[in-house]
N, C-alpha and C. Protein backbone atom coordinates (compact mmCIF):
# COMPACT_ATOMS: atom_id res chain seq x y z
N MET A 1 104.00 134.66 163.36
CA MET A 1 104.82 133.52 163.69
C MET A 1 104.02 132.76 164.76
N LEU A 2 104.00 131.35 164.62
CA LEU A 2 103.23 130.57 165.61
C LEU A 2 104.31 130.03 166.70
N GLU A 3 104.01 129.99 167.74
CA GLU A 3 104.85 129.35 168.85
C GLU A 3 104.59 127.81 168.86
N THR A 4 105.59 127.07 168.83
CA THR A 4 105.37 125.60 168.84
C THR A 4 105.42 125.12 170.22
N PRO A 5 105.14 123.88 170.54
CA PRO A 5 105.19 123.31 171.96
C PRO A 5 106.60 123.43 172.47
N PHE A 6 107.65 123.66 171.74
CA PHE A 6 109.00 123.79 172.23
C PHE A 6 109.50 125.14 172.36
N ARG A 7 110.03 125.39 173.46
CA ARG A 7 110.41 126.82 173.83
C ARG A 7 111.56 127.21 172.83
N GLY A 8 111.55 128.43 172.35
CA GLY A 8 112.63 128.81 171.45
C GLY A 8 112.57 128.39 169.99
N VAL A 9 111.61 127.63 169.71
CA VAL A 9 111.49 127.16 168.28
C VAL A 9 110.28 127.75 167.83
N LYS A 10 110.34 128.48 166.64
CA LYS A 10 109.08 129.13 166.16
C LYS A 10 108.90 128.60 164.76
N LEU A 11 107.56 128.52 164.35
CA LEU A 11 107.10 128.02 163.13
C LEU A 11 106.37 129.15 162.38
N ARG A 12 106.84 129.43 161.04
CA ARG A 12 106.21 130.51 160.39
C ARG A 12 105.56 129.76 159.02
N VAL A 13 104.22 129.99 158.89
CA VAL A 13 103.67 129.52 157.55
C VAL A 13 103.63 130.70 156.64
N LEU A 14 104.32 130.42 155.63
CA LEU A 14 104.33 131.64 154.53
C LEU A 14 102.96 131.69 153.86
N PRO A 15 102.63 132.95 153.44
CA PRO A 15 101.38 133.03 152.63
C PRO A 15 101.38 132.31 151.35
N GLY A 16 102.53 132.09 150.72
CA GLY A 16 102.66 131.43 149.39
C GLY A 16 102.27 130.01 149.50
N ARG A 17 101.57 129.43 148.45
CA ARG A 17 101.15 128.08 148.38
C ARG A 17 101.62 127.45 147.07
N VAL A 18 101.92 126.19 146.95
CA VAL A 18 102.19 125.59 145.77
C VAL A 18 101.05 124.86 145.27
N HIS A 19 100.64 125.04 144.05
CA HIS A 19 99.47 124.46 143.42
C HIS A 19 99.87 123.25 142.49
N TYR A 20 99.13 122.14 142.88
CA TYR A 20 99.41 121.02 141.98
C TYR A 20 98.36 120.68 140.95
N ALA A 21 98.62 119.86 139.85
CA ALA A 21 97.64 119.41 139.10
C ALA A 21 96.66 118.46 139.65
N ARG A 22 95.57 118.18 139.17
CA ARG A 22 94.68 117.29 139.85
C ARG A 22 95.14 115.91 139.78
N GLY A 23 94.91 115.22 140.83
CA GLY A 23 95.27 113.76 140.78
C GLY A 23 96.65 113.50 141.55
N VAL A 24 97.43 114.52 141.80
CA VAL A 24 98.66 114.35 142.59
C VAL A 24 98.31 114.07 144.05
N ARG A 25 99.03 112.91 144.57
CA ARG A 25 98.64 112.48 145.98
C ARG A 25 99.99 112.65 146.79
N CYS A 26 99.76 112.91 148.11
CA CYS A 26 100.73 113.00 149.15
C CYS A 26 101.22 111.57 149.30
N PRO A 27 102.53 111.34 149.37
CA PRO A 27 103.07 110.04 149.46
C PRO A 27 102.86 109.35 150.81
N ALA A 28 102.56 110.11 151.77
CA ALA A 28 102.23 109.58 153.20
C ALA A 28 100.77 109.24 153.50
N CYS A 29 99.94 110.12 153.16
CA CYS A 29 98.37 109.90 153.50
C CYS A 29 97.67 109.69 152.28
N GLN A 30 98.12 109.63 151.16
CA GLN A 30 97.56 109.46 149.89
C GLN A 30 96.32 110.30 149.65
N MET A 31 96.12 111.27 150.36
CA MET A 31 95.09 112.27 150.04
C MET A 31 95.46 113.13 148.80
N PRO A 32 94.61 113.52 147.96
CA PRO A 32 94.92 114.46 146.92
C PRO A 32 95.53 115.76 147.43
N ILE A 33 96.65 116.15 146.81
CA ILE A 33 97.23 117.44 147.26
C ILE A 33 96.72 118.65 146.18
N SER A 34 95.75 119.49 146.68
CA SER A 34 95.40 120.57 145.96
C SER A 34 96.43 121.63 146.15
N THR A 35 96.52 121.90 147.46
CA THR A 35 97.64 123.08 147.76
C THR A 35 98.37 122.53 148.87
N SER A 36 99.60 122.90 149.05
CA SER A 36 100.55 122.52 150.09
C SER A 36 100.88 123.91 150.58
N GLN A 37 101.46 123.78 151.87
CA GLN A 37 101.89 124.97 152.69
C GLN A 37 103.31 125.06 152.52
N ILE A 38 103.98 126.23 152.52
CA ILE A 38 105.42 126.51 152.67
C ILE A 38 105.60 127.00 153.94
N ILE A 39 106.41 126.24 154.69
CA ILE A 39 106.64 126.57 156.22
C ILE A 39 108.07 126.77 156.51
N THR A 40 108.35 127.67 157.39
CA THR A 40 109.76 127.88 157.90
C THR A 40 109.79 127.55 159.32
N VAL A 41 110.96 127.00 159.85
CA VAL A 41 111.08 126.81 161.28
C VAL A 41 112.27 127.57 161.68
N TRP A 42 112.11 128.35 162.69
CA TRP A 42 113.13 129.12 163.24
C TRP A 42 113.61 128.66 164.56
N ASN A 43 114.95 128.82 164.96
CA ASN A 43 115.36 128.64 166.28
C ASN A 43 116.08 129.94 166.68
N GLY A 44 115.16 130.79 167.37
CA GLY A 44 115.87 132.11 167.54
C GLY A 44 115.76 132.89 166.33
N GLN A 45 117.07 133.41 166.04
CA GLN A 45 117.13 134.02 164.71
C GLN A 45 117.56 133.15 163.58
N LYS A 46 117.93 131.95 163.83
CA LYS A 46 118.53 130.99 162.88
C LYS A 46 117.44 130.15 162.17
N LEU A 47 117.45 130.29 160.76
CA LEU A 47 116.45 129.42 159.98
C LEU A 47 116.94 127.85 160.11
N ILE A 48 116.04 127.05 160.60
CA ILE A 48 116.38 125.61 160.63
C ILE A 48 116.00 124.89 159.35
N MET A 49 114.76 125.37 158.83
CA MET A 49 114.14 124.57 157.74
C MET A 49 113.19 125.33 157.04
N LEU A 50 113.21 125.21 155.73
CA LEU A 50 112.29 125.86 154.83
C LEU A 50 111.68 124.71 153.93
N ALA A 51 110.48 124.36 154.07
CA ALA A 51 109.92 123.20 153.33
C ALA A 51 108.47 123.40 152.98
N GLU A 52 108.13 122.39 152.12
CA GLU A 52 106.74 122.34 151.49
C GLU A 52 106.15 121.18 152.18
N VAL A 53 104.92 121.43 152.79
CA VAL A 53 104.28 120.42 153.60
C VAL A 53 102.84 120.28 153.25
N CYS A 54 102.44 118.99 153.35
CA CYS A 54 101.11 118.60 152.89
C CYS A 54 100.18 119.17 153.98
N SER A 55 99.15 119.89 153.38
CA SER A 55 98.18 120.65 154.34
C SER A 55 97.39 119.57 155.19
N ASN A 56 97.29 118.38 154.70
CA ASN A 56 96.48 117.52 155.46
C ASN A 56 97.24 116.80 156.48
N CYS A 57 98.36 116.22 156.27
CA CYS A 57 99.08 115.34 157.35
C CYS A 57 100.41 115.96 157.76
N GLU A 58 100.77 117.06 157.24
CA GLU A 58 102.13 117.73 157.63
C GLU A 58 103.35 116.90 157.18
N HIS A 59 103.11 115.98 156.14
CA HIS A 59 104.28 115.37 155.66
C HIS A 59 105.24 116.29 154.77
N ILE A 60 106.35 116.24 154.96
CA ILE A 60 107.19 116.99 154.06
C ILE A 60 107.26 116.43 152.72
N ILE A 61 106.82 117.23 151.88
CA ILE A 61 106.73 116.79 150.30
C ILE A 61 108.05 117.10 149.84
N SER A 62 108.60 118.38 149.88
CA SER A 62 109.96 118.64 149.41
C SER A 62 110.52 119.72 150.33
N ARG A 63 111.81 119.43 150.65
CA ARG A 63 112.56 120.30 151.61
C ARG A 63 113.34 121.33 150.79
N ILE A 64 113.24 122.59 150.96
CA ILE A 64 113.85 123.64 150.16
C ILE A 64 115.15 123.95 150.87
N PHE A 65 115.19 123.98 152.29
CA PHE A 65 116.40 124.22 152.97
C PHE A 65 116.39 123.50 154.30
N PRO A 66 117.30 122.77 154.89
CA PRO A 66 118.30 122.23 154.04
C PRO A 66 117.82 121.06 153.11
N ASN A 67 118.28 120.83 151.94
CA ASN A 67 117.71 119.94 151.07
C ASN A 67 118.27 118.46 151.23
N LYS A 68 119.23 118.18 152.05
CA LYS A 68 119.68 116.86 152.13
C LYS A 68 119.12 116.30 153.50
N CYS A 69 117.90 115.72 153.42
CA CYS A 69 117.36 115.20 154.52
C CYS A 69 116.15 114.17 154.08
N GLY A 70 115.93 113.23 154.91
CA GLY A 70 114.68 112.24 154.60
C GLY A 70 113.40 112.92 154.83
N ASN A 71 112.41 112.43 154.26
CA ASN A 71 110.99 112.88 154.56
C ASN A 71 110.59 112.38 155.74
N ARG A 72 110.26 113.40 156.76
CA ARG A 72 109.72 113.19 158.02
C ARG A 72 108.57 114.03 158.25
N LYS A 73 107.90 113.69 159.42
CA LYS A 73 106.89 114.56 159.78
C LYS A 73 107.47 115.89 160.51
N LEU A 74 106.53 116.83 160.42
CA LEU A 74 107.19 118.14 160.95
C LEU A 74 107.47 118.00 162.48
N MET A 75 106.67 117.20 163.18
CA MET A 75 106.98 116.98 164.65
C MET A 75 108.33 116.42 164.99
N ASP A 76 108.79 115.55 164.03
CA ASP A 76 110.15 114.99 164.17
C ASP A 76 111.10 116.11 164.05
N ILE A 77 111.00 116.93 163.07
CA ILE A 77 111.85 118.10 162.89
C ILE A 77 111.87 118.97 163.98
N LEU A 78 110.78 119.28 164.49
CA LEU A 78 110.64 120.16 165.82
C LEU A 78 111.29 119.57 167.03
N THR A 79 111.03 118.25 167.18
CA THR A 79 111.65 117.54 168.31
C THR A 79 113.29 117.78 168.07
N LYS A 80 113.84 117.48 166.94
CA LYS A 80 115.33 117.75 166.68
C LYS A 80 115.62 119.11 167.08
N ALA A 81 114.78 120.20 166.52
CA ALA A 81 115.17 121.59 166.81
C ALA A 81 115.06 121.82 168.20
N LYS A 82 114.18 121.13 169.00
CA LYS A 82 114.20 121.43 170.52
C LYS A 82 115.36 120.86 171.05
N TYR A 83 115.85 119.64 170.62
CA TYR A 83 117.03 119.05 171.15
C TYR A 83 118.29 120.05 170.90
N LEU A 84 118.39 120.59 169.72
CA LEU A 84 119.42 121.46 169.44
C LEU A 84 119.45 122.73 170.19
N THR A 85 118.26 123.19 170.43
CA THR A 85 118.08 124.38 171.20
C THR A 85 118.61 124.12 172.67
N GLU A 86 118.20 122.98 173.18
CA GLU A 86 118.63 122.73 174.65
C GLU A 86 120.09 122.38 174.71
N LEU A 87 120.64 121.91 173.76
CA LEU A 87 122.00 121.52 173.67
C LEU A 87 122.79 122.89 173.60
N HIS A 88 122.41 123.74 172.64
CA HIS A 88 122.98 125.09 172.57
C HIS A 88 122.92 125.89 173.78
N ASN A 89 121.59 125.85 174.60
CA ASN A 89 121.46 126.56 175.66
C ASN A 89 122.31 126.00 176.94
N SER A 90 122.49 124.67 176.96
CA SER A 90 123.29 124.08 178.00
C SER A 90 124.90 124.52 177.73
N LEU A 91 125.31 124.50 176.57
CA LEU A 91 126.68 124.82 176.19
C LEU A 91 126.92 126.16 176.43
N TYR A 92 125.95 127.18 176.15
CA TYR A 92 126.04 128.61 176.31
C TYR A 92 126.14 128.82 177.97
N SER A 93 125.34 128.13 178.61
CA SER A 93 125.24 128.44 180.06
C SER A 93 126.44 127.99 180.65
N ASP A 94 127.06 126.88 180.26
CA ASP A 94 128.37 126.43 180.81
C ASP A 94 129.45 127.35 180.62
N GLU A 95 129.51 127.85 179.33
CA GLU A 95 130.50 128.83 178.85
C GLU A 95 130.41 130.14 179.70
N LYS A 96 129.08 130.60 179.95
CA LYS A 96 128.81 131.72 180.79
C LYS A 96 129.40 131.45 182.25
N ARG A 97 129.17 130.26 182.74
CA ARG A 97 129.44 129.90 184.16
C ARG A 97 131.11 130.01 184.29
N GLY A 98 131.72 129.43 183.33
CA GLY A 98 133.17 129.40 183.28
C GLY A 98 133.87 130.72 183.40
N SER A 99 133.27 131.67 182.53
CA SER A 99 133.88 132.94 182.48
C SER A 99 133.53 133.65 183.88
N ASN A 100 132.56 133.44 184.46
CA ASN A 100 132.34 134.22 185.83
C ASN A 100 133.29 133.75 186.81
N LYS A 101 134.04 132.65 186.79
CA LYS A 101 134.83 132.23 187.93
C LYS A 101 135.99 133.07 188.03
């Protein structure tokens, strides 16, 4: 598992790759896609995203989980994951502070 620039959010590149027929191109960078990576993004123990990503530009080719989302770069997803992590941590710390009173 790889540590991302954001604390608490981890990225795992699965060993499986999806193979495409010759001539298929990435919609973002227009480079031919020979293989793409399957990645998972974790927030602690919670799976945030499972997606197929272009090996060249990290454009999300297809999202496996959650499947209702626009195509964005991986950094956008990680930024959102970081925000959710910080929000969760702040809510949890407020809850903890309240119970200690």
